[in-house]
Amino acid sequence: WLVLWPGLALASVVYGVNMFGDAVRDILDPRLRGGTGRYGVRAKKEVKK
């Protein structure tokens, strides 16, 4: 039990920093703007016949 709470605190800090970094990258990375996917690949539209 002595390790549980510090371990959970450390895991939550790491998770929070990871989420913050993802948000900053999404805001600042220009390749993610303009309707492209996460890796810069535009989704293909299906054509109805």
PDB file of N, CA and C in Angstrom:
ATOM      1  N   TRP A   1       0.816  -1.196   0.000  1.00  0.00           N
ATOM      2  CA  TRP A   1       0.000   0.000   0.000  1.00  0.00           C
ATOM      3  C   TRP A   1       0.862   1.264   0.000  1.00  0.00           C
ATOM      4  N   LEU A   2       2.079   1.113   0.457  1.00  0.00           N
ATOM      5  CA  LEU A   2       2.948   2.278   0.556  1.00  0.00           C
ATOM      6  C   LEU A   2       3.344   2.824  -0.822  1.00  0.00           C
ATOM      7  N   VAL A   3       3.338   1.976  -1.814  1.00  0.00           N
ATOM      8  CA  VAL A   3       3.761   2.377  -3.154  1.00  0.00           C
ATOM      9  C   VAL A   3       2.577   2.816  -4.016  1.00  0.00           C
ATOM     10  N   LEU A   4       1.374   2.443  -3.640  1.00  0.00           N
ATOM     11  CA  LEU A   4       0.198   2.670  -4.483  1.00  0.00           C
ATOM     12  C   LEU A   4      -0.054   4.151  -4.748  1.00  0.00           C
ATOM     13  N   TRP A   5      -0.154   4.969  -3.722  1.00  0.00           N
ATOM     14  CA  TRP A   5      -0.522   6.374  -3.912  1.00  0.00           C
ATOM     15  C   TRP A   5       0.548   7.189  -4.635  1.00  0.00           C
ATOM     16  N   PRO A   6       1.835   7.046  -4.286  1.00  0.00           N
ATOM     17  CA  PRO A   6       2.834   7.758  -5.094  1.00  0.00           C
ATOM     18  C   PRO A   6       2.872   7.270  -6.544  1.00  0.00           C
ATOM     19  N   GLY A   7       2.655   5.974  -6.749  1.00  0.00           N
ATOM     20  CA  GLY A   7       2.621   5.447  -8.113  1.00  0.00           C
ATOM     21  C   GLY A   7       1.462   6.007  -8.913  1.00  0.00           C
ATOM     22  N   LEU A   8       0.293   6.093  -8.291  1.00  0.00           N
ATOM     23  CA  LEU A   8      -0.868   6.680  -8.971  1.00  0.00           C
ATOM     24  C   LEU A   8      -0.656   8.166  -9.246  1.00  0.00           C
ATOM     25  N   ALA A   9      -0.034   8.862  -8.304  1.00  0.00           N
ATOM     26  CA  ALA A   9       0.245  10.282  -8.511  1.00  0.00           C
ATOM     27  C   ALA A   9       1.215  10.477  -9.672  1.00  0.00           C
ATOM     28  N   LEU A  10       2.258   9.675  -9.716  1.00  0.00           N
ATOM     29  CA  LEU A  10       3.224   9.777 -10.801  1.00  0.00           C
ATOM     30  C   LEU A  10       2.592   9.429 -12.144  1.00  0.00           C
ATOM     31  N   ALA A  11       1.779   8.389 -12.175  1.00  0.00           N
ATOM     32  CA  ALA A  11       1.114   7.998 -13.416  1.00  0.00           C
ATOM     33  C   ALA A  11       0.167   9.091 -13.899  1.00  0.00           C
ATOM     34  N   SER A  12      -0.553   9.730 -12.977  1.00  0.00           N
ATOM     35  CA  SER A  12      -1.477  10.786 -13.394  1.00  0.00           C
ATOM     36  C   SER A  12      -0.728  12.020 -13.881  1.00  0.00           C
ATOM     37  N   VAL A  13       0.423  12.329 -13.298  1.00  0.00           N
ATOM     38  CA  VAL A  13       1.224  13.458 -13.775  1.00  0.00           C
ATOM     39  C   VAL A  13       1.760  13.170 -15.174  1.00  0.00           C
ATOM     40  N   VAL A  14       2.263  11.975 -15.398  1.00  0.00           N
ATOM     41  CA  VAL A  14       2.778  11.605 -16.720  1.00  0.00           C
ATOM     42  C   VAL A  14       1.659  11.646 -17.753  1.00  0.00           C
ATOM     43  N   TYR A  15       0.483  11.134 -17.400  1.00  0.00           N
ATOM     44  CA  TYR A  15      -0.661  11.157 -18.314  1.00  0.00           C
ATOM     45  C   TYR A  15      -1.073  12.600 -18.627  1.00  0.00           C
ATOM     46  N   GLY A  16      -1.099  13.454 -17.614  1.00  0.00           N
ATOM     47  CA  GLY A  16      -1.472  14.850 -17.826  1.00  0.00           C
ATOM     48  C   GLY A  16      -0.488  15.584 -18.717  1.00  0.00           C
ATOM     49  N   VAL A  17       0.809  15.359 -18.501  1.00  0.00           N
ATOM     50  CA  VAL A  17       1.819  15.993 -19.344  1.00  0.00           C
ATOM     51  C   VAL A  17       1.705  15.485 -20.779  1.00  0.00           C
ATOM     52  N   ASN A  18       1.407  14.213 -20.951  1.00  0.00           N
ATOM     53  CA  ASN A  18       1.229  13.640 -22.280  1.00  0.00           C
ATOM     54  C   ASN A  18       0.036  14.280 -22.989  1.00  0.00           C
ATOM     55  N   MET A  19      -1.069  14.420 -22.301  1.00  0.00           N
ATOM     56  CA  MET A  19      -2.254  15.042 -22.901  1.00  0.00           C
ATOM     57  C   MET A  19      -1.987  16.511 -23.236  1.00  0.00           C
ATOM     58  N   PHE A  20      -1.275  17.211 -22.367  1.00  0.00           N
ATOM     59  CA  PHE A  20      -0.927  18.608 -22.621  1.00  0.00           C
ATOM     60  C   PHE A  20      -0.029  18.721 -23.854  1.00  0.00           C
ATOM     61  N   GLY A  21       0.950  17.845 -23.962  1.00  0.00           N
ATOM     62  CA  GLY A  21       1.836  17.861 -25.122  1.00  0.00           C
ATOM     63  C   GLY A  21       1.102  17.565 -26.415  1.00  0.00           C
ATOM     64  N   ASP A  22       0.160  16.633 -26.378  1.00  0.00           N
ATOM     65  CA  ASP A  22      -0.648  16.340 -27.563  1.00  0.00           C
ATOM     66  C   ASP A  22      -1.481  17.551 -27.973  1.00  0.00           C
ATOM     67  N   ALA A  23      -2.041  18.248 -26.997  1.00  0.00           N
ATOM     68  CA  ALA A  23      -2.851  19.428 -27.304  1.00  0.00           C
ATOM     69  C   ALA A  23      -1.997  20.535 -27.905  1.00  0.00           C
ATOM     70  N   VAL A  24      -0.811  20.751 -27.358  1.00  0.00           N
ATOM     71  CA  VAL A  24       0.084  21.777 -27.896  1.00  0.00           C
ATOM     72  C   VAL A  24       0.511  21.417 -29.314  1.00  0.00           C
ATOM     73  N   ARG A  25       0.812  20.146 -29.558  1.00  0.00           N
ATOM     74  CA  ARG A  25       1.192  19.720 -30.905  1.00  0.00           C
ATOM     75  C   ARG A  25       0.042  19.922 -31.882  1.00  0.00           C
ATOM     76  N   ASP A  26      -1.170  19.587 -31.467  1.00  0.00           N
ATOM     77  CA  ASP A  26      -2.325  19.759 -32.343  1.00  0.00           C
ATOM     78  C   ASP A  26      -2.547  21.225 -32.685  1.00  0.00           C
ATOM     79  N   ILE A  27      -2.262  22.115 -31.757  1.00  0.00           N
ATOM     80  CA  ILE A  27      -2.449  23.545 -32.003  1.00  0.00           C
ATOM     81  C   ILE A  27      -1.352  24.094 -32.910  1.00  0.00           C
ATOM     82  N   LEU A  28      -0.116  23.675 -32.702  1.00  0.00           N
ATOM     83  CA  LEU A  28       1.009  24.296 -33.385  1.00  0.00           C
ATOM     84  C   LEU A  28       1.432  23.613 -34.682  1.00  0.00           C
ATOM     85  N   ASP A  29       1.046  22.378 -34.921  1.00  0.00           N
ATOM     86  CA  ASP A  29       1.507  21.652 -36.100  1.00  0.00           C
ATOM     87  C   ASP A  29       0.646  22.006 -37.310  1.00  0.00           C
ATOM     88  N   PRO A  30       1.197  22.696 -38.292  1.00  0.00           N
ATOM     89  CA  PRO A  30       0.380  23.113 -39.442  1.00  0.00           C
ATOM     90  C   PRO A  30      -0.035  21.953 -40.341  1.00  0.00           C
ATOM     91  N   ARG A  31       0.657  20.823 -40.285  1.00  0.00           N
ATOM     92  CA  ARG A  31       0.289  19.686 -41.133  1.00  0.00           C
ATOM     93  C   ARG A  31      -1.033  19.076 -40.721  1.00  0.00           C
ATOM     94  N   LEU A  32      -1.468  19.323 -39.495  1.00  0.00           N
ATOM     95  CA  LEU A  32      -2.713  18.731 -39.020  1.00  0.00           C
ATOM     96  C   LEU A  32      -3.931  19.584 -39.365  1.00  0.00           C
ATOM     97  N   ARG A  33      -3.698  20.755 -39.927  1.00  0.00           N
ATOM     98  CA  ARG A  33      -4.815  21.643 -40.254  1.00  0.00           C
ATOM     99  C   ARG A  33      -5.312  21.383 -41.664  1.00  0.00           C
ATOM    100  N   GLY A  34      -6.516  21.812 -41.953  1.00  0.00           N
ATOM    101  CA  GLY A  34      -7.033  21.767 -43.311  1.00  0.00           C
ATOM    102  C   GLY A  34      -7.665  20.456 -43.709  1.00  0.00           C
ATOM    103  N   GLY A  35      -8.200  19.714 -42.774  1.00  0.00           N
ATOM    104  CA  GLY A  35      -8.940  18.517 -43.110  1.00  0.00           C
ATOM    105  C   GLY A  35      -8.101  17.285 -43.342  1.00  0.00           C
ATOM    106  N   THR A  36      -6.823  17.359 -43.047  1.00  0.00           N
ATOM    107  CA  THR A  36      -6.008  16.164 -43.199  1.00  0.00           C
ATOM    108  C   THR A  36      -6.028  15.376 -41.909  1.00  0.00           C
ATOM    109  N   GLY A  37      -5.674  14.125 -41.997  1.00  0.00           N
ATOM    110  CA  GLY A  37      -5.677  13.263 -40.824  1.00  0.00           C
ATOM    111  C   GLY A  37      -4.466  13.506 -39.947  1.00  0.00           C
ATOM    112  N   ARG A  38      -4.291  12.649 -38.990  1.00  0.00           N
ATOM    113  CA  ARG A  38      -3.222  12.812 -38.017  1.00  0.00           C
ATOM    114  C   ARG A  38      -1.841  12.749 -38.665  1.00  0.00           C
ATOM    115  N   TYR A  39      -1.699  11.965 -39.736  1.00  0.00           N
ATOM    116  CA  TYR A  39      -0.396  11.801 -40.362  1.00  0.00           C
ATOM    117  C   TYR A  39      -0.298  12.557 -41.680  1.00  0.00           C
ATOM    118  N   GLY A  40      -1.148  13.552 -41.880  1.00  0.00           N
ATOM    119  CA  GLY A  40      -1.078  14.374 -43.072  1.00  0.00           C
ATOM    120  C   GLY A  40      -1.700  13.741 -44.301  1.00  0.00           C
ATOM    121  N   VAL A  41      -2.505  12.713 -44.129  1.00  0.00           N
ATOM    122  CA  VAL A  41      -3.147  12.038 -45.255  1.00  0.00           C
ATOM    123  C   VAL A  41      -4.605  12.470 -45.309  1.00  0.00           C
ATOM    124  N   ARG A  42      -4.990  12.998 -46.461  1.00  0.00           N
ATOM    125  CA  ARG A  42      -6.370  13.447 -46.614  1.00  0.00           C
ATOM    126  C   ARG A  42      -7.272  12.244 -46.865  1.00  0.00           C
ATOM    127  N   ALA A  43      -8.410  12.230 -46.209  1.00  0.00           N
ATOM    128  CA  ALA A  43      -9.364  11.130 -46.380  1.00  0.00           C
ATOM    129  C   ALA A  43      -9.979  11.202 -47.777  1.00  0.00           C
ATOM    130  N   LYS A  44     -10.174  10.049 -48.394  1.00  0.00           N
ATOM    131  CA  LYS A  44     -10.770   9.987 -49.725  1.00  0.00           C
ATOM    132  C   LYS A  44     -12.286   9.984 -49.607  1.00  0.00           C
ATOM    133  N   LYS A  45     -12.909  10.754 -50.497  1.00  0.00           N
ATOM    134  CA  LYS A  45     -14.369  10.783 -50.520  1.00  0.00           C
ATOM    135  C   LYS A  45     -14.870   9.663 -51.419  1.00  0.00           C
ATOM    136  N   GLU A  46     -15.935   9.033 -50.985  1.00  0.00           N
ATOM    137  CA  GLU A  46     -16.529   7.979 -51.801  1.00  0.00           C
ATOM    138  C   GLU A  46     -17.482   8.613 -52.806  1.00  0.00           C
ATOM    139  N   VAL A  47     -17.444   8.108 -54.030  1.00  0.00           N
ATOM    140  CA  VAL A  47     -18.293   8.624 -55.094  1.00  0.00           C
ATOM    141  C   VAL A  47     -19.512   7.729 -55.215  1.00  0.00           C
ATOM    142  N   LYS A  48     -20.701   8.357 -55.148  1.00  0.00           N
ATOM    143  CA  LYS A  48     -21.943   7.598 -55.322  1.00  0.00           C
ATOM    144  C   LYS A  48     -22.244   7.474 -56.803  1.00  0.00           C
ATOM    145  N   LYS A  49     -22.664   6.286 -57.222  1.00  0.00           N
ATOM    146  CA  LYS A  49     -22.985   6.069 -58.641  1.00  0.00           C
ATOM    147  C   LYS A  49     -24.468   6.073 -58.865  1.00  0.00           C
TER     148      LYS A  49
END
